[in-house]
């Protein structure tokens, strides 16, 4: 709900703020992050995309060094 998201962001005083979204440097991960950034941008936020090689990216995630992160899970049964 874009309108509700925009209202919430405005109410929080975050309109026009820039958030960083991290991803690994895999092409599909970068594309996923771009889609997320595009979708969220309609709510009044700006995004900066940072992509890193897997070890650096995953280390940052484990340590909580991110604002937003685009990840995917490939699990096994």
N, C-alpha and C. Protein backbone atom coordinates (compact mmCIF):
# COMPACT_ATOMS: atom_id res chain seq x y z
N UNK A 1 0.85 -1.16 0.00
CA UNK A 1 0.00 0.00 0.00
C UNK A 1 0.91 1.24 0.00
N UNK A 2 1.14 1.76 -1.16
CA UNK A 2 2.07 2.89 -1.32
C UNK A 2 1.62 4.13 -0.55
N UNK A 3 0.34 4.40 -0.59
CA UNK A 3 -0.16 5.60 0.08
C UNK A 3 0.04 5.51 1.59
N UNK A 4 -0.25 4.38 2.16
CA UNK A 4 -0.05 4.21 3.61
C UNK A 4 1.43 4.30 3.96
N UNK A 5 2.27 3.66 3.15
CA UNK A 5 3.71 3.72 3.40
C UNK A 5 4.20 5.16 3.34
N UNK A 6 3.73 5.92 2.35
CA UNK A 6 4.14 7.32 2.23
C UNK A 6 3.71 8.13 3.44
N UNK A 7 2.50 7.88 3.93
CA UNK A 7 2.01 8.59 5.13
C UNK A 7 2.87 8.25 6.35
N UNK A 8 3.16 6.97 6.52
CA UNK A 8 3.99 6.56 7.66
C UNK A 8 5.38 7.19 7.60
N UNK A 9 5.97 7.19 6.43
CA UNK A 9 7.30 7.77 6.27
C UNK A 9 7.26 9.27 6.53
N UNK A 10 6.22 9.93 6.04
CA UNK A 10 6.07 11.36 6.29
C UNK A 10 5.89 11.63 7.77
N UNK A 11 5.03 10.84 8.43
CA UNK A 11 4.78 11.02 9.87
C UNK A 11 6.05 10.81 10.70
N UNK A 12 6.92 9.94 10.24
CA UNK A 12 8.18 9.68 10.94
C UNK A 12 9.26 10.70 10.60
N UNK A 13 8.96 11.62 9.69
CA UNK A 13 9.94 12.63 9.30
C UNK A 13 11.05 12.09 8.42
N UNK A 14 10.76 11.03 7.70
CA UNK A 14 11.80 10.39 6.89
C UNK A 14 11.71 10.72 5.40
N UNK A 15 10.73 11.51 4.99
CA UNK A 15 10.59 11.86 3.58
C UNK A 15 11.88 12.51 3.08
N UNK A 16 12.37 12.01 1.96
CA UNK A 16 13.60 12.55 1.37
C UNK A 16 14.88 11.98 1.96
N UNK A 17 14.78 11.16 2.98
CA UNK A 17 15.97 10.54 3.58
C UNK A 17 16.49 9.44 2.65
N UNK A 18 17.77 9.16 2.76
CA UNK A 18 18.38 8.11 1.96
C UNK A 18 18.77 6.95 2.85
N UNK A 19 18.35 5.77 2.45
CA UNK A 19 18.73 4.54 3.13
C UNK A 19 19.66 3.75 2.22
N UNK A 20 20.55 3.00 2.83
CA UNK A 20 21.45 2.16 2.07
C UNK A 20 20.93 0.74 2.06
N UNK A 21 20.88 0.16 0.88
CA UNK A 21 20.50 -1.24 0.75
C UNK A 21 21.72 -2.01 0.24
N UNK A 22 22.11 -3.03 0.98
CA UNK A 22 23.28 -3.83 0.62
C UNK A 22 22.85 -5.13 -0.04
N UNK A 23 23.70 -5.59 -0.95
CA UNK A 23 23.49 -6.88 -1.58
C UNK A 23 24.86 -7.47 -1.90
N UNK A 24 24.84 -8.75 -2.22
CA UNK A 24 26.09 -9.34 -2.72
C UNK A 24 26.29 -8.81 -4.14
N UNK A 25 27.42 -9.11 -4.73
CA UNK A 25 27.68 -8.60 -6.07
C UNK A 25 27.23 -9.55 -7.18
N UNK A 26 26.45 -10.56 -6.82
CA UNK A 26 25.86 -11.44 -7.83
C UNK A 26 24.84 -10.64 -8.64
N UNK A 27 24.83 -10.77 -9.96
CA UNK A 27 23.91 -9.97 -10.78
C UNK A 27 22.45 -10.09 -10.36
N UNK A 28 21.99 -11.29 -10.00
CA UNK A 28 20.60 -11.45 -9.60
C UNK A 28 20.33 -10.72 -8.27
N UNK A 29 21.28 -10.74 -7.36
CA UNK A 29 21.11 -10.05 -6.08
C UNK A 29 21.03 -8.54 -6.29
N UNK A 30 21.86 -8.03 -7.17
CA UNK A 30 21.82 -6.59 -7.48
C UNK A 30 20.48 -6.22 -8.11
N UNK A 31 20.00 -7.06 -9.04
CA UNK A 31 18.70 -6.80 -9.66
C UNK A 31 17.58 -6.81 -8.62
N UNK A 32 17.62 -7.77 -7.69
CA UNK A 32 16.60 -7.83 -6.64
C UNK A 32 16.63 -6.57 -5.78
N UNK A 33 17.82 -6.12 -5.42
CA UNK A 33 17.95 -4.90 -4.61
C UNK A 33 17.43 -3.69 -5.37
N UNK A 34 17.69 -3.63 -6.67
CA UNK A 34 17.19 -2.51 -7.48
C UNK A 34 15.66 -2.49 -7.51
N UNK A 35 15.05 -3.67 -7.61
CA UNK A 35 13.59 -3.75 -7.62
C UNK A 35 13.04 -3.28 -6.27
N UNK A 36 13.63 -3.74 -5.18
CA UNK A 36 13.18 -3.31 -3.85
C UNK A 36 13.32 -1.79 -3.69
N UNK A 37 14.46 -1.26 -4.10
CA UNK A 37 14.69 0.18 -3.99
C UNK A 37 13.66 0.95 -4.82
N UNK A 38 13.37 0.47 -6.01
CA UNK A 38 12.38 1.12 -6.86
C UNK A 38 11.00 1.10 -6.20
N UNK A 39 10.61 -0.04 -5.67
CA UNK A 39 9.30 -0.14 -5.03
C UNK A 39 9.20 0.77 -3.81
N UNK A 40 10.23 0.78 -2.99
CA UNK A 40 10.21 1.62 -1.80
C UNK A 40 10.30 3.11 -2.15
N UNK A 41 10.92 3.43 -3.27
CA UNK A 41 11.10 4.84 -3.63
C UNK A 41 9.77 5.56 -3.81
N UNK A 42 8.72 4.84 -4.12
CA UNK A 42 7.39 5.45 -4.29
C UNK A 42 6.80 5.93 -2.97
N UNK A 43 7.45 5.58 -1.87
CA UNK A 43 6.94 5.99 -0.56
C UNK A 43 7.65 7.23 -0.03
N UNK A 44 8.55 7.80 -0.80
CA UNK A 44 9.22 9.03 -0.39
C UNK A 44 10.64 8.86 0.11
N UNK A 45 11.15 7.66 0.06
CA UNK A 45 12.53 7.40 0.48
C UNK A 45 13.44 7.32 -0.74
N UNK A 46 14.69 7.66 -0.55
CA UNK A 46 15.70 7.48 -1.59
C UNK A 46 16.60 6.32 -1.15
N UNK A 47 17.22 5.68 -2.10
CA UNK A 47 18.06 4.54 -1.79
C UNK A 47 19.40 4.61 -2.48
N UNK A 48 20.39 4.15 -1.76
CA UNK A 48 21.75 4.01 -2.29
C UNK A 48 22.05 2.51 -2.25
N UNK A 49 22.42 1.95 -3.38
CA UNK A 49 22.71 0.53 -3.46
C UNK A 49 24.22 0.30 -3.32
N UNK A 50 24.58 -0.60 -2.41
CA UNK A 50 25.97 -1.00 -2.24
C UNK A 50 26.04 -2.51 -2.42
N UNK A 51 26.93 -2.97 -3.29
CA UNK A 51 27.08 -4.41 -3.48
C UNK A 51 28.53 -4.80 -3.16
N UNK A 52 28.66 -5.95 -2.54
CA UNK A 52 29.97 -6.42 -2.08
C UNK A 52 30.15 -7.88 -2.45
N UNK A 53 31.40 -8.30 -2.49
CA UNK A 53 31.65 -9.74 -2.68
C UNK A 53 31.07 -10.45 -1.46
N UNK A 54 30.74 -11.73 -1.65
CA UNK A 54 29.95 -12.47 -0.68
C UNK A 54 30.50 -12.42 0.74
N UNK A 55 31.78 -12.66 0.95
CA UNK A 55 32.34 -12.73 2.31
C UNK A 55 32.14 -11.40 3.05
N UNK A 56 32.41 -10.28 2.40
CA UNK A 56 32.24 -8.96 3.02
C UNK A 56 30.76 -8.69 3.29
N UNK A 57 29.92 -8.98 2.32
CA UNK A 57 28.50 -8.76 2.47
C UNK A 57 27.95 -9.58 3.64
N UNK A 58 28.25 -10.86 3.67
CA UNK A 58 27.72 -11.73 4.72
C UNK A 58 28.26 -11.36 6.09
N UNK A 59 29.51 -10.95 6.15
CA UNK A 59 30.08 -10.52 7.43
C UNK A 59 29.35 -9.28 7.95
N UNK A 60 29.08 -8.33 7.07
CA UNK A 60 28.32 -7.14 7.47
C UNK A 60 26.93 -7.52 7.98
N UNK A 61 26.28 -8.46 7.32
CA UNK A 61 24.94 -8.88 7.73
C UNK A 61 25.00 -9.54 9.11
N UNK A 62 25.94 -10.44 9.29
CA UNK A 62 26.06 -11.12 10.58
C UNK A 62 26.33 -10.15 11.72
N UNK A 63 27.07 -9.09 11.44
CA UNK A 63 27.43 -8.11 12.47
C UNK A 63 26.38 -7.00 12.64
N UNK A 64 25.37 -7.02 11.78
CA UNK A 64 24.33 -6.00 11.87
C UNK A 64 24.73 -4.67 11.26
N UNK A 65 25.71 -4.67 10.37
CA UNK A 65 26.20 -3.44 9.73
C UNK A 65 25.44 -3.19 8.43
N UNK A 66 24.17 -2.88 8.56
CA UNK A 66 23.37 -2.58 7.38
C UNK A 66 22.09 -1.89 7.81
N UNK A 67 21.51 -1.13 6.89
CA UNK A 67 20.19 -0.56 7.12
C UNK A 67 19.14 -1.48 6.51
N UNK A 68 19.35 -1.85 5.26
CA UNK A 68 18.50 -2.80 4.55
C UNK A 68 19.43 -3.75 3.80
N UNK A 69 19.00 -4.98 3.64
CA UNK A 69 19.81 -5.95 2.91
C UNK A 69 18.90 -6.79 2.02
N UNK A 70 19.38 -7.07 0.84
CA UNK A 70 18.66 -7.94 -0.09
C UNK A 70 19.36 -9.29 -0.08
N UNK A 71 18.66 -10.27 0.45
CA UNK A 71 19.22 -11.61 0.52
C UNK A 71 18.22 -12.60 -0.06
N UNK A 72 18.70 -13.78 -0.35
CA UNK A 72 17.81 -14.84 -0.77
C UNK A 72 18.30 -16.13 -0.12
N UNK A 73 17.39 -17.02 0.04
CA UNK A 73 17.72 -18.28 0.70
C UNK A 73 17.54 -19.40 -0.29
N UNK A 74 18.56 -20.21 -0.42
CA UNK A 74 18.46 -21.41 -1.22
C UNK A 74 18.69 -22.56 -0.24
N UNK A 75 17.61 -23.13 0.20
CA UNK A 75 17.69 -24.15 1.23
C UNK A 75 17.61 -25.56 0.66
N UNK A 76 17.87 -26.49 1.52
CA UNK A 76 17.74 -27.89 1.16
C UNK A 76 16.80 -28.55 2.13
N UNK A 77 16.27 -29.66 1.75
CA UNK A 77 15.34 -30.38 2.60
C UNK A 77 16.08 -31.43 3.40
